[in-house]
Amino acid sequence: ELKTPIATIIGAIDTLKDTGIPIPAPQQNELLNEMETAANRLSYQVENLLNMSRVESGNFRLKTDWIDVNEIIFSCIRKIPAQHVKRFIFKPDDKLPLLKLDEGLIETALYSILHNAARYTPEQATVTIDARYEDGFLTITISDSGTGIPEQHLSHIFEKFYRLPHSGTGGTGLGLSIAKGFVEAHEGKISVRNLKAGGAQFEITLPAEVSYLNSLKNE
């Protein structure tokens, strides 16, 4: 997973530097696009490895602040590869209060789940995200209309380096285990189940303090 994008970048650079072969502008742009894609893939995998190290060491403190959960969800969707973005459905709840959480960890956890949904569900499948706050807990559900997860694999889905059989090339099997670690760092819970209508649903539940300003507004 690390060597393949590195090889792509080095190969493209060598081609561009080879002054003995004139390269038309369209081909140059194609090489640059390949380098960009490979660099982004490499960056994501390195970030996953660093995050996994943080989870395992437990050597980090939550940096909590008042965050807008709707905006974090939109930010995660914007990071999804362009060809998959239209599959994501999210209707923000304008009444959702500001909550005190670690923005970086929550965004990483959410993106890991959405990224998995983009990669491993059929192209025609949709992914619906819902967020609500009730009785001191934030609940975020991510539901897809894909084929679901084989029952025998559900209990292993959050294990480190675990990947479903026949899931294709790419991926290190770290994303969901990192999501679990970052959610549990907030003393929250994450779970997955198959939906009767088809597809899988992830649910994140987090205890979260509500902003005093929101409390005043509601009174």
C-alpha atoms as a PDB file:
ATOM      1  CA  GLU A   1       0.000   0.000   0.000  1.00  0.00           C
ATOM      2  CA  LEU A   2       2.920   2.366   0.582  1.00  0.00           C
ATOM      3  CA  LYS A   3       5.260   1.110  -2.138  1.00  0.00           C
ATOM      4  CA  THR A   4       2.755   1.221  -5.009  1.00  0.00           C
ATOM      5  CA  PRO A   5       2.003   4.975  -4.880  1.00  0.00           C
ATOM      6  CA  ILE A   6       5.695   5.723  -4.258  1.00  0.00           C
ATOM      7  CA  ALA A   7       6.616   3.732  -7.384  1.00  0.00           C
ATOM      8  CA  THR A   8       3.945   5.603  -9.372  1.00  0.00           C
ATOM      9  CA  ILE A   9       5.309   8.990  -8.299  1.00  0.00           C
ATOM     10  CA  ILE A  10       8.946   8.053  -9.000  1.00  0.00           C
ATOM     11  CA  GLY A  11       8.022   6.599 -12.405  1.00  0.00           C
ATOM     12  CA  ALA A  12       6.118   9.720 -13.424  1.00  0.00           C
ATOM     13  CA  ILE A  13       8.951  12.004 -12.294  1.00  0.00           C
ATOM     14  CA  ASP A  14      11.509   9.954 -14.244  1.00  0.00           C
ATOM     15  CA  THR A  15       9.346  10.233 -17.374  1.00  0.00           C
ATOM     16  CA  LEU A  16       8.943  13.998 -16.993  1.00  0.00           C
ATOM     17  CA  LYS A  17      12.694  14.469 -16.417  1.00  0.00           C
ATOM     18  CA  ASP A  18      13.691  12.433 -19.455  1.00  0.00           C
ATOM     19  CA  THR A  19      14.538  15.325 -21.755  1.00  0.00           C
ATOM     20  CA  GLY A  20      15.321  12.950 -24.633  1.00  0.00           C
ATOM     21  CA  ILE A  21      11.628  12.247 -25.160  1.00  0.00           C
ATOM     22  CA  PRO A  22       9.346  15.210 -25.951  1.00  0.00           C
ATOM     23  CA  ILE A  23       6.121  14.819 -23.969  1.00  0.00           C
ATOM     24  CA  PRO A  24       2.916  16.406 -25.326  1.00  0.00           C
ATOM     25  CA  ALA A  25       1.013  18.629 -22.884  1.00  0.00           C
ATOM     26  CA  PRO A  26      -1.963  16.217 -22.517  1.00  0.00           C
ATOM     27  CA  GLN A  27       0.391  13.392 -21.527  1.00  0.00           C
ATOM     28  CA  GLN A  28       2.189  15.684 -19.080  1.00  0.00           C
ATOM     29  CA  ASN A  29      -1.133  16.515 -17.438  1.00  0.00           C
ATOM     30  CA  GLU A  30      -1.987  12.817 -17.253  1.00  0.00           C
ATOM     31  CA  LEU A  31       1.315  12.093 -15.492  1.00  0.00           C
ATOM     32  CA  LEU A  32       0.752  14.963 -13.065  1.00  0.00           C
ATOM     33  CA  ASN A  33      -2.750  13.664 -12.288  1.00  0.00           C
ATOM     34  CA  GLU A  34      -1.308  10.200 -11.623  1.00  0.00           C
ATOM     35  CA  MET A  35       1.245  11.732  -9.262  1.00  0.00           C
ATOM     36  CA  GLU A  36      -1.439  13.690  -7.437  1.00  0.00           C
ATOM     37  CA  THR A  37      -3.655  10.616  -7.018  1.00  0.00           C
ATOM     38  CA  ALA A  38      -0.715   8.522  -5.795  1.00  0.00           C
ATOM     39  CA  ALA A  39       0.439  11.246  -3.384  1.00  0.00           C
ATOM     40  CA  ASN A  40      -3.049  11.580  -1.895  1.00  0.00           C
ATOM     41  CA  ARG A  41      -3.304   7.808  -1.492  1.00  0.00           C
ATOM     42  CA  LEU A  42       0.119   7.695   0.160  1.00  0.00           C
ATOM     43  CA  SER A  43      -0.765  10.569   2.479  1.00  0.00           C
ATOM     44  CA  TYR A  44      -3.989   8.843   3.556  1.00  0.00           C
ATOM     45  CA  GLN A  45      -2.232   5.556   4.324  1.00  0.00           C
ATOM     46  CA  VAL A  46       0.593   7.247   6.257  1.00  0.00           C
ATOM     47  CA  GLU A  47      -1.990   9.206   8.238  1.00  0.00           C
ATOM     48  CA  ASN A  48      -3.773   5.941   9.039  1.00  0.00           C
ATOM     49  CA  LEU A  49      -0.549   4.358  10.284  1.00  0.00           C
ATOM     50  CA  LEU A  50       0.182   7.382  12.485  1.00  0.00           C
ATOM     51  CA  ASN A  51      -3.365   7.387  13.833  1.00  0.00           C
ATOM     52  CA  MET A  52      -3.168   3.661  14.588  1.00  0.00           C
ATOM     53  CA  SER A  53       0.030   4.298  16.507  1.00  0.00           C
ATOM     54  CA  ARG A  54      -1.744   6.995  18.540  1.00  0.00           C
ATOM     55  CA  VAL A  55      -4.643   4.654  19.302  1.00  0.00           C
ATOM     56  CA  GLU A  56      -2.405   1.812  20.418  1.00  0.00           C
ATOM     57  CA  SER A  57      -0.122   3.954  22.560  1.00  0.00           C
ATOM     58  CA  GLY A  58      -3.011   5.777  24.195  1.00  0.00           C
ATOM     59  CA  ASN A  59      -0.565   8.650  24.356  1.00  0.00           C
ATOM     60  CA  PHE A  60      -2.838  11.483  23.350  1.00  0.00           C
ATOM     61  CA  ARG A  61      -5.249  13.820  25.041  1.00  0.00           C
ATOM     62  CA  LEU A  62      -8.570  14.980  23.718  1.00  0.00           C
ATOM     63  CA  LYS A  63      -8.479  18.561  22.468  1.00  0.00           C
ATOM     64  CA  THR A  64     -12.135  19.372  22.951  1.00  0.00           C
ATOM     65  CA  ASP A  65     -13.819  22.530  21.768  1.00  0.00           C
ATOM     66  CA  TRP A  66     -17.273  23.618  20.644  1.00  0.00           C
ATOM     67  CA  ILE A  67     -17.877  22.134  17.214  1.00  0.00           C
ATOM     68  CA  ASP A  68     -20.573  22.214  14.559  1.00  0.00           C
ATOM     69  CA  VAL A  69     -21.314  18.554  13.789  1.00  0.00           C
ATOM     70  CA  ASN A  70     -23.175  19.426  10.575  1.00  0.00           C
ATOM     71  CA  GLU A  71     -20.105  21.206   9.243  1.00  0.00           C
ATOM     72  CA  ILE A  72     -17.820  18.295  10.156  1.00  0.00           C
ATOM     73  CA  ILE A  73     -20.045  15.895   8.226  1.00  0.00           C
ATOM     74  CA  PHE A  74     -20.050  18.210   5.191  1.00  0.00           C
ATOM     75  CA  SER A  75     -16.248  18.486   5.468  1.00  0.00           C
ATOM     76  CA  CYS A  76     -15.918  14.675   5.400  1.00  0.00           C
ATOM     77  CA  ILE A  77     -18.180  14.415   2.352  1.00  0.00           C
ATOM     78  CA  ARG A  78     -16.124  17.060   0.525  1.00  0.00           C
ATOM     79  CA  LYS A  79     -13.007  14.935   1.027  1.00  0.00           C
ATOM     80  CA  ILE A  80     -14.594  11.903  -0.640  1.00  0.00           C
ATOM     81  CA  PRO A  81     -13.293  11.316  -4.220  1.00  0.00           C
ATOM     82  CA  ALA A  82     -15.350  13.418  -6.622  1.00  0.00           C
ATOM     83  CA  GLN A  83     -16.813  10.443  -8.503  1.00  0.00           C
ATOM     84  CA  HIS A  84     -18.471   9.177  -5.297  1.00  0.00           C
ATOM     85  CA  VAL A  85     -19.724  12.421  -3.719  1.00  0.00           C
ATOM     86  CA  LYS A  86     -23.146  12.376  -5.399  1.00  0.00           C
ATOM     87  CA  ARG A  87     -23.946   9.078  -3.659  1.00  0.00           C
ATOM     88  CA  PHE A  88     -23.900  10.698  -0.202  1.00  0.00           C
ATOM     89  CA  ILE A  89     -27.132  12.044   1.258  1.00  0.00           C
ATOM     90  CA  PHE A  90     -27.080  14.322   4.290  1.00  0.00           C
ATOM     91  CA  LYS A  91     -29.797  16.722   5.421  1.00  0.00           C
ATOM     92  CA  PRO A  92     -28.364  18.835   8.258  1.00  0.00           C
ATOM     93  CA  ASP A  93     -30.402  19.416  11.387  1.00  0.00           C
ATOM     94  CA  ASP A  94     -30.417  23.171  11.985  1.00  0.00           C
ATOM     95  CA  LYS A  95     -31.417  22.564  15.607  1.00  0.00           C
ATOM     96  CA  LEU A  96     -28.339  20.451  16.328  1.00  0.00           C
ATOM     97  CA  PRO A  97     -26.452  22.325  19.085  1.00  0.00           C
ATOM     98  CA  LEU A  98     -22.755  23.071  19.304  1.00  0.00           C
ATOM     99  CA  LEU A  99     -21.106  20.183  21.135  1.00  0.00           C
ATOM    100  CA  LYS A 100     -17.818  19.861  22.989  1.00  0.00           C
ATOM    101  CA  LEU A 101     -15.743  17.184  21.227  1.00  0.00           C
ATOM    102  CA  ASP A 102     -12.312  16.701  19.684  1.00  0.00           C
ATOM    103  CA  GLU A 103     -12.959  17.897  16.145  1.00  0.00           C
ATOM    104  CA  GLY A 104      -9.908  16.240  14.592  1.00  0.00           C
ATOM    105  CA  LEU A 105     -10.601  12.798  16.041  1.00  0.00           C
ATOM    106  CA  ILE A 106     -14.322  12.857  15.249  1.00  0.00           C
ATOM    107  CA  GLU A 107     -13.697  13.999  11.681  1.00  0.00           C
ATOM    108  CA  THR A 108     -11.096  11.251  11.199  1.00  0.00           C
ATOM    109  CA  ALA A 109     -13.460   8.589  12.572  1.00  0.00           C
ATOM    110  CA  LEU A 110     -16.351   9.750  10.378  1.00  0.00           C
ATOM    111  CA  TYR A 111     -14.224  10.015   7.260  1.00  0.00           C
ATOM    112  CA  SER A 112     -12.902   6.481   7.759  1.00  0.00           C
ATOM    113  CA  ILE A 113     -16.447   5.099   7.709  1.00  0.00           C
ATOM    114  CA  LEU A 114     -17.541   7.234   4.742  1.00  0.00           C
ATOM    115  CA  HIS A 115     -14.383   6.383   2.817  1.00  0.00           C
ATOM    116  CA  ASN A 116     -15.058   2.688   3.369  1.00  0.00           C
ATOM    117  CA  ALA A 117     -18.633   3.126   2.158  1.00  0.00           C
ATOM    118  CA  ALA A 118     -17.392   4.871  -0.991  1.00  0.00           C
ATOM    119  CA  ARG A 119     -14.896   2.111  -1.747  1.00  0.00           C
ATOM    120  CA  TYR A 120     -16.785  -1.048  -0.883  1.00  0.00           C
ATOM    121  CA  THR A 121     -20.411  -0.458  -1.847  1.00  0.00           C
ATOM    122  CA  PRO A 122     -21.718  -0.776  -5.433  1.00  0.00           C
ATOM    123  CA  GLU A 123     -21.625   2.330  -7.612  1.00  0.00           C
ATOM    124  CA  GLN A 124     -25.430   2.603  -7.597  1.00  0.00           C
ATOM    125  CA  ALA A 125     -25.655   2.411  -3.793  1.00  0.00           C
ATOM    126  CA  THR A 126     -26.450   5.511  -1.747  1.00  0.00           C
ATOM    127  CA  VAL A 127     -25.041   6.426   1.665  1.00  0.00           C
ATOM    128  CA  THR A 128     -27.297   8.329   4.074  1.00  0.00           C
ATOM    129  CA  ILE A 129     -25.924  10.171   7.099  1.00  0.00           C
ATOM    130  CA  ASP A 130     -28.041  11.272  10.043  1.00  0.00           C
ATOM    131  CA  ALA A 131     -27.015  13.169  13.179  1.00  0.00           C
ATOM    132  CA  ARG A 132     -29.132  13.907  16.256  1.00  0.00           C
ATOM    133  CA  TYR A 133     -28.578  14.978  19.851  1.00  0.00           C
ATOM    134  CA  GLU A 134     -30.759  13.723  22.683  1.00  0.00           C
ATOM    135  CA  ASP A 135     -30.399  13.315  26.459  1.00  0.00           C
ATOM    136  CA  GLY A 136     -26.704  14.214  26.503  1.00  0.00           C
ATOM    137  CA  PHE A 137     -25.672  11.960  23.612  1.00  0.00           C
ATOM    138  CA  LEU A 138     -24.799  12.649  19.992  1.00  0.00           C
ATOM    139  CA  THR A 139     -25.792   9.806  17.655  1.00  0.00           C
ATOM    140  CA  ILE A 140     -24.514   9.628  14.086  1.00  0.00           C
ATOM    141  CA  THR A 141     -25.718   6.876  11.758  1.00  0.00           C
ATOM    142  CA  ILE A 142     -24.247   6.044   8.357  1.00  0.00           C
ATOM    143  CA  SER A 143     -26.511   3.741   6.342  1.00  0.00           C
ATOM    144  CA  ASP A 144     -25.854   2.404   2.858  1.00  0.00           C
ATOM    145  CA  SER A 145     -28.038   0.598   0.331  1.00  0.00           C
ATOM    146  CA  GLY A 146     -25.351  -1.871  -0.678  1.00  0.00           C
ATOM    147  CA  THR A 147     -25.160  -5.615  -0.160  1.00  0.00           C
ATOM    148  CA  GLY A 148     -24.342  -5.519   3.555  1.00  0.00           C
ATOM    149  CA  ILE A 149     -21.601  -7.346   5.436  1.00  0.00           C
ATOM    150  CA  PRO A 150     -21.554 -11.152   5.652  1.00  0.00           C
ATOM    151  CA  GLU A 151     -22.771 -12.083   9.134  1.00  0.00           C
ATOM    152  CA  GLN A 152     -19.658 -14.117   9.931  1.00  0.00           C
ATOM    153  CA  HIS A 153     -17.526 -11.002   9.449  1.00  0.00           C
ATOM    154  CA  LEU A 154     -19.577  -8.481  11.449  1.00  0.00           C
ATOM    155  CA  SER A 155     -17.829  -9.233  14.753  1.00  0.00           C
ATOM    156  CA  HIS A 156     -14.383  -8.722  13.179  1.00  0.00           C
ATOM    157  CA  ILE A 157     -15.036  -5.546  11.196  1.00  0.00           C
ATOM    158  CA  PHE A 158     -13.292  -3.216  13.689  1.00  0.00           C
ATOM    159  CA  GLU A 159     -10.193  -5.392  14.116  1.00  0.00           C
ATOM    160  CA  LYS A 160      -6.830  -3.984  13.036  1.00  0.00           C
ATOM    161  CA  PHE A 161      -5.757  -4.966   9.496  1.00  0.00           C
ATOM    162  CA  TYR A 162      -9.031  -6.867   8.976  1.00  0.00           C
ATOM    163  CA  ARG A 163     -10.384  -6.755   5.437  1.00  0.00           C
ATOM    164  CA  LEU A 164     -13.347  -8.563   3.956  1.00  0.00           C
ATOM    165  CA  PRO A 165     -12.514 -11.368   1.520  1.00  0.00           C
ATOM    166  CA  HIS A 166     -12.763 -10.367  -2.155  1.00  0.00           C
ATOM    167  CA  SER A 167     -12.780  -6.674  -1.226  1.00  0.00           C
ATOM    168  CA  GLY A 168     -10.359  -5.877  -4.022  1.00  0.00           C
ATOM    169  CA  THR A 169      -6.933  -4.302  -3.918  1.00  0.00           C
ATOM    170  CA  GLY A 170      -6.021  -1.288  -1.844  1.00  0.00           C
ATOM    171  CA  GLY A 171      -6.618  -0.445   1.774  1.00  0.00           C
ATOM    172  CA  THR A 172      -4.764  -1.523   4.894  1.00  0.00           C
ATOM    173  CA  GLY A 173      -7.715  -2.526   7.051  1.00  0.00           C
ATOM    174  CA  LEU A 174      -6.952   0.226   9.561  1.00  0.00           C
ATOM    175  CA  GLY A 175      -9.706   2.794   8.954  1.00  0.00           C
ATOM    176  CA  LEU A 176     -12.488   1.215  11.008  1.00  0.00           C
ATOM    177  CA  SER A 177     -10.192   0.206  13.876  1.00  0.00           C
ATOM    178  CA  ILE A 178      -8.981   3.815  14.060  1.00  0.00           C
ATOM    179  CA  ALA A 179     -12.596   5.038  14.049  1.00  0.00           C
ATOM    180  CA  LYS A 180     -13.351   2.696  16.945  1.00  0.00           C
ATOM    181  CA  GLY A 181     -10.310   3.886  18.892  1.00  0.00           C
ATOM    182  CA  PHE A 182     -11.124   7.580  18.454  1.00  0.00           C
ATOM    183  CA  VAL A 183     -14.782   7.090  19.373  1.00  0.00           C
ATOM    184  CA  GLU A 184     -13.849   5.113  22.487  1.00  0.00           C
ATOM    185  CA  ALA A 185     -11.364   7.839  23.433  1.00  0.00           C
ATOM    186  CA  HIS A 186     -14.481  10.019  23.888  1.00  0.00           C
ATOM    187  CA  GLU A 187     -16.017   7.218  26.024  1.00  0.00           C
ATOM    188  CA  GLY A 188     -18.405   6.613  23.150  1.00  0.00           C
ATOM    189  CA  LYS A 189     -19.512   3.499  21.294  1.00  0.00           C
ATOM    190  CA  ILE A 190     -19.484   2.414  17.667  1.00  0.00           C
ATOM    191  CA  SER A 191     -21.401  -0.506  16.204  1.00  0.00           C
ATOM    192  CA  VAL A 192     -22.422  -1.987  12.857  1.00  0.00           C
ATOM    193  CA  ARG A 193     -25.386  -4.058  11.750  1.00  0.00           C
ATOM    194  CA  ASN A 194     -27.019  -5.212   8.551  1.00  0.00           C
ATOM    195  CA  LEU A 195     -30.319  -3.612   7.573  1.00  0.00           C
ATOM    196  CA  LYS A 196     -33.324  -5.767   6.726  1.00  0.00           C
ATOM    197  CA  ALA A 197     -33.845  -3.828   3.517  1.00  0.00           C
ATOM    198  CA  GLY A 198     -30.216  -4.440   2.531  1.00  0.00           C
ATOM    199  CA  GLY A 199     -26.986  -2.633   3.211  1.00  0.00           C
ATOM    200  CA  ALA A 200     -25.108  -1.909   6.415  1.00  0.00           C
ATOM    201  CA  GLN A 201     -25.537   0.725   9.105  1.00  0.00           C
ATOM    202  CA  PHE A 202     -22.810   2.123  11.344  1.00  0.00           C
ATOM    203  CA  GLU A 203     -23.848   3.946  14.499  1.00  0.00           C
ATOM    204  CA  ILE A 204     -21.661   6.222  16.617  1.00  0.00           C
ATOM    205  CA  THR A 205     -22.896   7.306  20.047  1.00  0.00           C
ATOM    206  CA  LEU A 206     -20.955   9.959  21.953  1.00  0.00           C
ATOM    207  CA  PRO A 207     -21.572  11.608  25.319  1.00  0.00           C
ATOM    208  CA  ALA A 208     -21.225  15.311  24.629  1.00  0.00           C
ATOM    209  CA  GLU A 209     -21.630  18.536  26.560  1.00  0.00           C
ATOM    210  CA  VAL A 210     -23.986  21.005  24.939  1.00  0.00           C
ATOM    211  CA  SER A 211     -23.060  24.658  24.536  1.00  0.00           C
ATOM    212  CA  TYR A 212     -24.409  26.988  27.242  1.00  0.00           C
ATOM    213  CA  LEU A 213     -25.482  29.405  24.488  1.00  0.00           C
ATOM    214  CA  ASN A 214     -27.673  26.707  22.956  1.00  0.00           C
ATOM    215  CA  SER A 215     -29.201  25.987  26.350  1.00  0.00           C
ATOM    216  CA  LEU A 216     -30.091  29.664  26.764  1.00  0.00           C
ATOM    217  CA  LYS A 217     -31.632  29.791  23.300  1.00  0.00           C
ATOM    218  CA  ASN A 218     -33.793  26.764  24.039  1.00  0.00           C
ATOM    219  CA  GLU A 219     -35.084  28.320  27.258  1.00  0.00           C
END
